[in-house]
Amino acid sequence: MLSVRPRIQQLQEYHPPLSRRTGLRLDFNENTIGCSPRVLQCLTQITAEDLARYPEREPVEVLAAQYFDLAPEQVLLTNGVDEAIHLLCEAFLEPGDEALVVAPTFSMYEIYAAATGARVARVQCDSDFAFPLAKVLRSLTPATRMIAVASPNNPTGSVATREQLLQIATAAPDAAVLLDEAYYEFHGQTVIPEIEAAANLFVARTFSKAYGLAGLRIGLLCGPREHMPALRRIASPYNVNIIALLALPAALADREYVDVYSEQVKQGRERLARELHQLGIPYWPSQANFLLVKIGPLHREFVAAIRQRGILLRDRSADSGCDGCVRITIGIADHTNQLITALRAVCIELNLRPKVTA
């Protein structure tokens, strides 16, 4: 009788709460106003012939490599960062190997690693959610073959420094070290220039966040020249659809759009932090386009009350170490205004307002 591998049956399925997402979307860290007008213009010019042909990835990879100051052989376009994670797991993990993740973090690292039969070791952050370098180094074993780090991290917004990441790569030369820089545009620090010197370092980027292309599912994986051919070998030759490939050059050409949007987000992040401080709501410093806040036992009621005011937030209370926490995406200034207005009202409604603001 046909049966699914026990390892797959045991996986915890990822269920993003995507249904009925009407209103101001501050729940999935998306660009709250969408992509560049240049991308929309590009999409209007797509022809029936474009859709009838198989997508050709390599010419766009050349453009992406130039944009990131890399050689084309160092770059692979992927079906979002999710596929980049999947490819790394398939390339470097065998049953019985060990994959190390820092918790809490993006759940797909653990799901893809566990699907290979590898053992996943979680390194739990302390309550301040600072990157636990010492714990990571102590957790390395001869079986460690992959280490996944998001910086800025989701859902905490905390970062690992360049020096910390290089120290890990040096300490674990037999492991693929993935740095997920999905929120780079809101932080500004990268280790992409280090991938030549560190032979086991890989960096993933997404065009879903600051670029506003989440619906097109396109990401980028870059790494050492000697290892990228293996990743290409196991990737589908048509993994990125033709619409995404046609849109990406237009998105990359409008750097000003991304810069202006990212600057509004960073300003909104500081403004929201000040507001939360005034309201007496604990939060953690973030270098991403969101803040993680500590609501406490009323976290579900808080998210529901905000939703009744037309704004979606993400309850992260089920994440490791995040009991009672809610994640709030930050968008443009007008959206931050709407958020703060709703936040003040809900804090009064739920008696979450120990301090009175002017």
Protein backbone atom coordinates (compact mmCIF):
# COMPACT_ATOMS: atom_id res chain seq x y z
CA MET A 1 0.00 0.00 0.00
CA LEU A 2 1.26 3.45 -0.90
CA SER A 3 2.18 5.52 2.13
CA VAL A 4 3.76 8.88 2.80
CA ARG A 5 7.18 8.89 4.43
CA PRO A 6 6.81 9.05 8.22
CA ARG A 7 9.03 12.13 8.32
CA ILE A 8 6.57 14.01 6.10
CA GLN A 9 3.57 12.83 8.09
CA GLN A 10 5.15 14.25 11.24
CA LEU A 11 5.81 17.71 9.81
CA GLN A 12 3.88 20.59 11.27
CA GLU A 13 2.06 22.22 8.37
CA TYR A 14 2.42 25.97 7.92
CA HIS A 15 -1.02 27.61 7.83
CA PRO A 16 -0.75 31.34 7.07
CA PRO A 17 -4.06 33.02 7.96
CA LEU A 18 -4.70 34.37 4.47
CA SER A 19 -8.48 34.15 4.27
CA ARG A 20 -10.70 37.25 4.17
CA ARG A 21 -7.81 39.72 4.26
CA THR A 22 -9.82 42.87 3.66
CA GLY A 23 -8.75 46.21 5.07
CA LEU A 24 -5.33 47.69 5.79
CA ARG A 25 -2.92 44.74 5.60
CA LEU A 26 -0.45 45.12 8.45
CA ASP A 27 -0.25 41.38 9.13
CA PHE A 28 2.17 39.86 6.59
CA ASN A 29 4.92 42.48 6.29
CA GLU A 30 3.93 43.27 2.72
CA ASN A 31 4.46 46.58 0.97
CA THR A 32 1.27 48.42 1.97
CA ILE A 33 0.95 50.41 -1.26
CA GLY A 34 2.18 47.86 -3.77
CA CYS A 35 4.86 47.78 -6.42
CA SER A 36 6.50 50.55 -8.45
CA PRO A 37 4.37 52.21 -11.17
CA ARG A 38 7.08 51.09 -13.60
CA VAL A 39 6.23 47.49 -12.79
CA LEU A 40 2.53 48.10 -13.43
CA GLN A 41 3.37 49.71 -16.76
CA CYS A 42 5.50 46.71 -17.64
CA LEU A 43 2.66 44.33 -16.82
CA THR A 44 0.29 46.13 -19.20
CA GLN A 45 2.68 45.33 -22.05
CA ILE A 46 2.72 41.57 -21.53
CA THR A 47 1.49 39.78 -24.65
CA ALA A 48 -0.20 36.48 -25.33
CA GLU A 49 3.04 35.32 -26.92
CA ASP A 50 4.92 36.11 -23.69
CA LEU A 51 2.55 33.88 -21.74
CA ALA A 52 2.80 31.07 -24.30
CA ARG A 53 6.56 30.59 -23.97
CA TYR A 54 8.60 28.99 -21.24
CA PRO A 55 10.31 31.49 -18.94
CA GLU A 56 14.00 32.17 -19.54
CA ARG A 57 15.65 32.94 -16.21
CA GLU A 58 19.29 33.52 -17.13
CA PRO A 59 19.07 36.98 -18.81
CA VAL A 60 17.29 38.38 -15.77
CA GLU A 61 19.86 36.76 -13.50
CA VAL A 62 22.54 38.73 -15.32
CA LEU A 63 20.67 41.96 -14.55
CA ALA A 64 20.13 40.93 -10.94
CA ALA A 65 23.82 40.05 -10.58
CA GLN A 66 24.78 43.51 -11.84
CA TYR A 67 22.33 45.11 -9.42
CA PHE A 68 23.86 43.27 -6.46
CA ASP A 69 27.44 43.66 -7.73
CA LEU A 70 27.90 39.93 -8.20
CA ALA A 71 28.89 37.62 -11.02
CA PRO A 72 26.00 35.84 -12.79
CA GLU A 73 27.33 32.46 -11.67
CA GLN A 74 26.88 33.55 -8.06
CA VAL A 75 23.17 34.26 -8.48
CA LEU A 76 20.08 32.06 -8.76
CA LEU A 77 16.57 33.50 -9.05
CA THR A 78 14.07 31.47 -7.06
CA ASN A 79 10.37 31.08 -6.48
CA GLY A 80 10.50 33.34 -3.44
CA VAL A 81 12.94 32.83 -0.57
CA ASP A 82 10.97 29.68 0.30
CA GLU A 83 12.44 27.87 -2.70
CA ALA A 84 15.92 29.13 -1.85
CA ILE A 85 15.61 27.53 1.60
CA HIS A 86 14.26 24.33 0.06
CA LEU A 87 17.12 24.08 -2.44
CA LEU A 88 19.77 24.55 0.24
CA CYS A 89 18.19 21.86 2.40
CA GLU A 90 18.01 19.43 -0.51
CA ALA A 91 21.59 20.14 -1.55
CA PHE A 92 23.30 19.89 1.82
CA LEU A 93 21.18 17.83 4.23
CA GLU A 94 21.03 14.06 4.50
CA PRO A 95 18.93 11.99 6.92
CA GLY A 96 20.68 12.09 10.27
CA ASP A 97 22.38 15.42 9.63
CA GLU A 98 21.63 18.37 11.84
CA ALA A 99 20.13 21.74 10.91
CA LEU A 100 20.32 24.58 13.39
CA VAL A 101 17.74 27.37 13.61
CA VAL A 102 17.45 30.27 16.03
CA ALA A 103 13.98 30.44 17.60
CA PRO A 104 11.66 32.18 17.17
CA THR A 105 12.08 32.60 13.42
CA PHE A 106 10.54 31.87 10.03
CA SER A 107 9.03 28.40 10.28
CA MET A 108 9.94 27.20 6.77
CA TYR A 109 13.59 26.70 7.76
CA GLU A 110 12.54 23.94 10.12
CA ILE A 111 9.90 22.45 7.81
CA TYR A 112 12.19 22.11 4.79
CA ALA A 113 15.11 20.85 6.88
CA ALA A 114 12.99 18.25 8.69
CA ALA A 115 11.54 17.02 5.39
CA THR A 116 15.00 15.81 4.35
CA GLY A 117 15.22 13.60 7.43
CA ALA A 118 17.67 15.90 9.17
CA ARG A 119 17.34 16.63 12.87
CA VAL A 120 16.43 20.22 13.63
CA ALA A 121 18.10 21.82 16.65
CA ARG A 122 16.49 24.97 17.97
CA VAL A 123 18.57 27.61 19.71
CA GLN A 124 16.16 29.67 21.80
CA CYS A 125 16.74 33.41 22.08
CA ASP A 126 16.62 35.02 25.50
CA SER A 127 13.69 37.27 26.43
CA ASP A 128 15.34 40.32 24.81
CA PHE A 129 15.44 38.40 21.47
CA ALA A 130 19.05 39.48 20.87
CA PHE A 131 20.95 37.15 18.56
CA PRO A 132 22.30 34.33 20.79
CA LEU A 133 25.77 33.94 19.29
CA ALA A 134 27.28 32.11 22.27
CA LYS A 135 24.39 29.63 22.34
CA VAL A 136 24.70 29.02 18.59
CA LEU A 137 28.41 28.31 18.84
CA ARG A 138 27.87 25.95 21.79
CA SER A 139 25.17 24.11 19.83
CA LEU A 140 27.39 23.24 16.87
CA THR A 141 28.21 19.54 16.54
CA PRO A 142 30.07 17.40 13.99
CA ALA A 143 26.65 16.60 12.50
CA THR A 144 25.73 20.26 11.85
CA ARG A 145 25.32 20.69 8.10
CA MET A 146 23.08 23.77 7.87
CA ILE A 147 22.52 26.90 9.93
CA ALA A 148 19.67 29.28 9.05
CA VAL A 149 19.69 32.85 10.32
CA ALA A 150 17.24 35.61 9.43
CA SER A 151 18.61 39.11 9.89
CA PRO A 152 16.52 41.11 10.52
CA ASN A 153 14.67 38.21 12.09
CA ASN A 154 10.98 37.49 11.70
CA PRO A 155 9.00 37.94 13.97
CA THR A 156 11.36 39.79 16.33
CA GLY A 157 13.11 42.34 14.09
CA SER A 158 16.46 41.66 15.79
CA VAL A 159 19.69 41.35 13.80
CA ALA A 160 22.90 39.38 13.72
CA THR A 161 25.99 41.41 12.95
CA ARG A 162 28.40 40.74 10.10
CA GLU A 163 31.07 39.73 12.61
CA GLN A 164 28.75 37.26 14.33
CA LEU A 165 27.75 35.63 11.05
CA LEU A 166 31.33 35.29 9.85
CA GLN A 167 32.29 33.81 13.21
CA ILE A 168 29.59 31.16 12.77
CA ALA A 169 30.65 30.42 9.19
CA THR A 170 34.24 29.99 10.36
CA ALA A 171 33.27 27.80 13.32
CA ALA A 172 31.13 25.49 11.13
CA PRO A 173 33.07 25.04 7.86
CA ASP A 174 31.16 21.83 7.01
CA ALA A 175 27.76 23.55 7.28
CA ALA A 176 25.90 25.71 4.79
CA VAL A 177 25.19 29.00 6.55
CA LEU A 178 22.10 30.73 5.17
CA LEU A 179 21.54 34.39 5.93
CA ASP A 180 18.01 35.41 5.02
CA GLU A 181 18.04 39.15 4.31
CA ALA A 182 14.37 39.45 3.38
CA TYR A 183 14.13 42.74 5.30
CA TYR A 184 17.44 44.20 4.15
CA GLU A 185 15.90 47.40 2.75
CA PHE A 186 14.71 48.43 6.21
CA HIS A 187 18.04 47.66 7.85
CA GLY A 188 20.74 48.41 5.30
CA GLN A 189 23.38 45.90 6.44
CA THR A 190 24.36 42.93 4.26
CA VAL A 191 26.97 40.18 4.10
CA ILE A 192 26.67 39.68 0.34
CA PRO A 193 30.25 41.00 -0.17
CA GLU A 194 31.49 38.21 2.11
CA ILE A 195 30.29 35.23 0.09
CA GLU A 196 33.54 35.01 -1.86
CA ALA A 197 35.67 34.89 1.28
CA ALA A 198 33.38 32.53 3.22
CA ALA A 199 33.04 29.38 1.15
CA ASN A 200 29.96 28.16 3.07
CA LEU A 201 27.95 31.40 3.25
CA PHE A 202 24.73 31.90 1.28
CA VAL A 203 22.48 34.97 1.24
CA ALA A 204 18.80 35.08 0.27
CA ARG A 205 16.87 38.18 -0.74
CA THR A 206 13.22 38.67 -1.57
CA PHE A 207 11.31 41.07 -3.78
CA SER A 208 8.12 40.44 -1.80
CA LYS A 209 8.64 43.08 0.90
CA ALA A 210 10.03 46.50 -0.04
CA TYR A 211 9.56 45.89 -3.77
CA GLY A 212 5.89 44.95 -3.39
CA LEU A 213 6.02 41.80 -5.53
CA ALA A 214 4.81 39.20 -3.03
CA GLY A 215 2.16 37.94 -5.47
CA LEU A 216 4.73 37.21 -8.18
CA ARG A 217 6.85 34.93 -5.95
CA ILE A 218 10.39 35.89 -6.86
CA GLY A 219 13.50 35.81 -4.72
CA LEU A 220 17.24 35.52 -5.09
CA LEU A 221 19.87 33.20 -3.67
CA CYS A 222 23.54 34.04 -3.95
CA GLY A 223 26.50 32.04 -2.80
CA PRO A 224 30.02 30.79 -3.49
CA ARG A 225 30.76 30.01 -7.13
CA GLU A 226 31.78 26.43 -6.39
CA HIS A 227 28.43 25.53 -4.81
CA MET A 228 25.90 27.35 -6.99
CA PRO A 229 26.02 24.76 -9.86
CA ALA A 230 24.68 22.11 -7.48
CA LEU A 231 21.76 24.34 -6.56
CA ARG A 232 21.02 25.02 -10.21
CA ARG A 233 21.13 21.29 -10.85
CA ILE A 234 18.24 20.59 -8.47
CA ALA A 235 16.20 23.70 -9.29
CA SER A 236 13.54 23.52 -11.96
CA PRO A 237 14.66 25.32 -15.13
CA TYR A 238 11.27 27.07 -15.10
CA ASN A 239 10.99 27.80 -11.38
CA VAL A 240 10.29 31.54 -11.84
CA ASN A 241 7.26 32.44 -13.94
CA ILE A 242 7.43 34.68 -17.00
CA ILE A 243 5.43 37.52 -15.41
CA ALA A 244 7.86 37.77 -12.51
CA LEU A 245 10.84 37.68 -14.87
CA LEU A 246 9.38 40.46 -17.02
CA ALA A 247 8.52 42.58 -13.99
CA LEU A 248 11.77 42.27 -12.04
CA PRO A 249 13.95 44.44 -14.34
CA ALA A 250 11.40 47.26 -14.04
CA ALA A 251 11.39 46.88 -10.26
CA LEU A 252 15.19 46.95 -10.07
CA ALA A 253 15.33 50.00 -12.34
CA ASP A 254 13.17 52.03 -9.95
CA ARG A 255 15.53 52.10 -6.99
CA GLU A 256 14.14 55.49 -5.95
CA TYR A 257 10.70 53.96 -5.38
CA VAL A 258 12.11 51.34 -3.00
CA ASP A 259 14.28 53.90 -1.21
CA VAL A 260 11.39 56.33 -0.66
CA TYR A 261 9.09 53.58 0.57
CA SER A 262 11.73 52.13 2.89
CA GLU A 263 12.44 55.56 4.37
CA GLN A 264 8.74 56.07 5.14
CA VAL A 265 8.67 52.69 6.84
CA LYS A 266 11.71 53.51 8.97
CA GLN A 267 10.17 56.81 10.01
CA GLY A 268 6.90 55.04 10.80
CA ARG A 269 8.77 52.45 12.83
CA GLU A 270 10.23 55.15 15.06
CA ARG A 271 6.89 56.90 15.34
CA LEU A 272 5.07 53.71 16.30
CA ALA A 273 7.76 52.91 18.87
CA ARG A 274 7.24 56.31 20.48
CA GLU A 275 3.48 55.77 20.53
CA LEU A 276 3.80 52.34 22.12
CA HIS A 277 6.08 53.81 24.76
CA GLN A 278 3.50 56.48 25.55
CA LEU A 279 0.77 53.84 25.78
CA GLY A 280 2.90 51.68 28.06
CA ILE A 281 2.85 48.72 25.67
CA PRO A 282 6.13 46.76 25.68
CA TYR A 283 7.83 46.16 22.32
CA TRP A 284 11.18 45.00 21.02
CA PRO A 285 13.52 47.17 18.92
CA SER A 286 13.32 46.21 15.25
CA GLN A 287 15.33 46.75 12.10
CA ALA A 288 12.57 45.36 9.88
CA ASN A 289 9.26 46.77 8.61
CA PHE A 290 7.39 45.64 11.71
CA LEU A 291 7.40 45.76 15.49
CA LEU A 292 6.69 42.87 17.81
CA VAL A 293 4.61 44.05 20.78
CA LYS A 294 3.68 42.36 24.04
CA ILE A 295 -0.08 42.57 24.55
CA GLY A 296 -0.42 39.76 27.08
CA PRO A 297 -3.49 37.61 27.80
CA LEU A 298 -5.77 39.79 25.65
CA HIS A 299 -3.74 39.29 22.45
CA ARG A 300 -6.61 37.63 20.58
CA GLU A 301 -9.10 40.28 21.64
CA PHE A 302 -6.60 42.96 20.67
CA VAL A 303 -6.15 41.61 17.14
CA ALA A 304 -9.93 41.20 16.74
CA ALA A 305 -10.67 44.72 17.97
CA ILE A 306 -8.11 46.22 15.59
CA ARG A 307 -9.60 44.19 12.76
CA GLN A 308 -13.04 45.59 13.50
CA ARG A 309 -11.48 48.97 12.73
CA GLY A 310 -10.31 47.77 9.32
CA ILE A 311 -6.71 46.87 10.15
CA LEU A 312 -5.14 43.40 10.07
CA LEU A 313 -2.38 42.45 12.52
CA ARG A 314 -0.64 39.09 13.08
CA ASP A 315 -0.98 37.23 16.36
CA ARG A 316 2.41 35.58 16.99
CA SER A 317 1.60 34.18 20.42
CA ALA A 318 2.14 30.60 19.21
CA ASP A 319 5.78 31.27 18.31
CA SER A 320 8.48 30.09 20.67
CA GLY A 321 9.02 32.68 23.39
CA CYS A 322 6.31 34.99 22.01
CA ASP A 323 3.37 34.26 24.29
CA GLY A 324 0.96 37.20 24.20
CA CYS A 325 2.78 38.90 21.33
CA VAL A 326 1.38 40.58 18.23
CA ARG A 327 3.36 41.66 15.17
CA ILE A 328 2.51 44.99 13.52
CA THR A 329 3.64 45.73 9.97
CA ILE A 330 4.58 49.34 9.23
CA GLY A 331 3.71 51.03 5.95
CA ILE A 332 3.52 54.57 4.62
CA ALA A 333 2.79 57.59 6.81
CA ASP A 334 -0.97 57.59 6.13
CA HIS A 335 -1.21 53.96 7.15
CA THR A 336 0.74 54.64 10.33
CA ASN A 337 -1.76 57.41 11.13
CA GLN A 338 -4.65 54.97 10.73
CA LEU A 339 -2.88 52.40 12.85
CA ILE A 340 -2.15 54.79 15.72
CA THR A 341 -5.73 56.05 15.76
CA ALA A 342 -7.04 52.49 16.01
CA LEU A 343 -4.37 51.54 18.53
CA ARG A 344 -5.33 54.33 20.91
CA ALA A 345 -9.02 53.43 20.70
CA VAL A 346 -8.47 49.71 21.25
CA CYS A 347 -6.16 50.30 24.21
CA ILE A 348 -8.96 52.23 25.88
CA GLU A 349 -11.58 49.66 24.90
CA LEU A 350 -9.56 46.76 26.34
CA ASN A 351 -8.13 48.74 29.24
CA LEU A 352 -4.60 48.34 27.88
CA ARG A 353 -3.72 51.97 28.39
CA PRO A 354 -1.96 52.55 31.73
CA LYS A 355 -0.66 55.92 30.55
CA VAL A 356 -2.67 58.83 29.15
CA THR A 357 -1.33 60.49 26.01
CA ALA A 358 -1.85 64.09 25.02
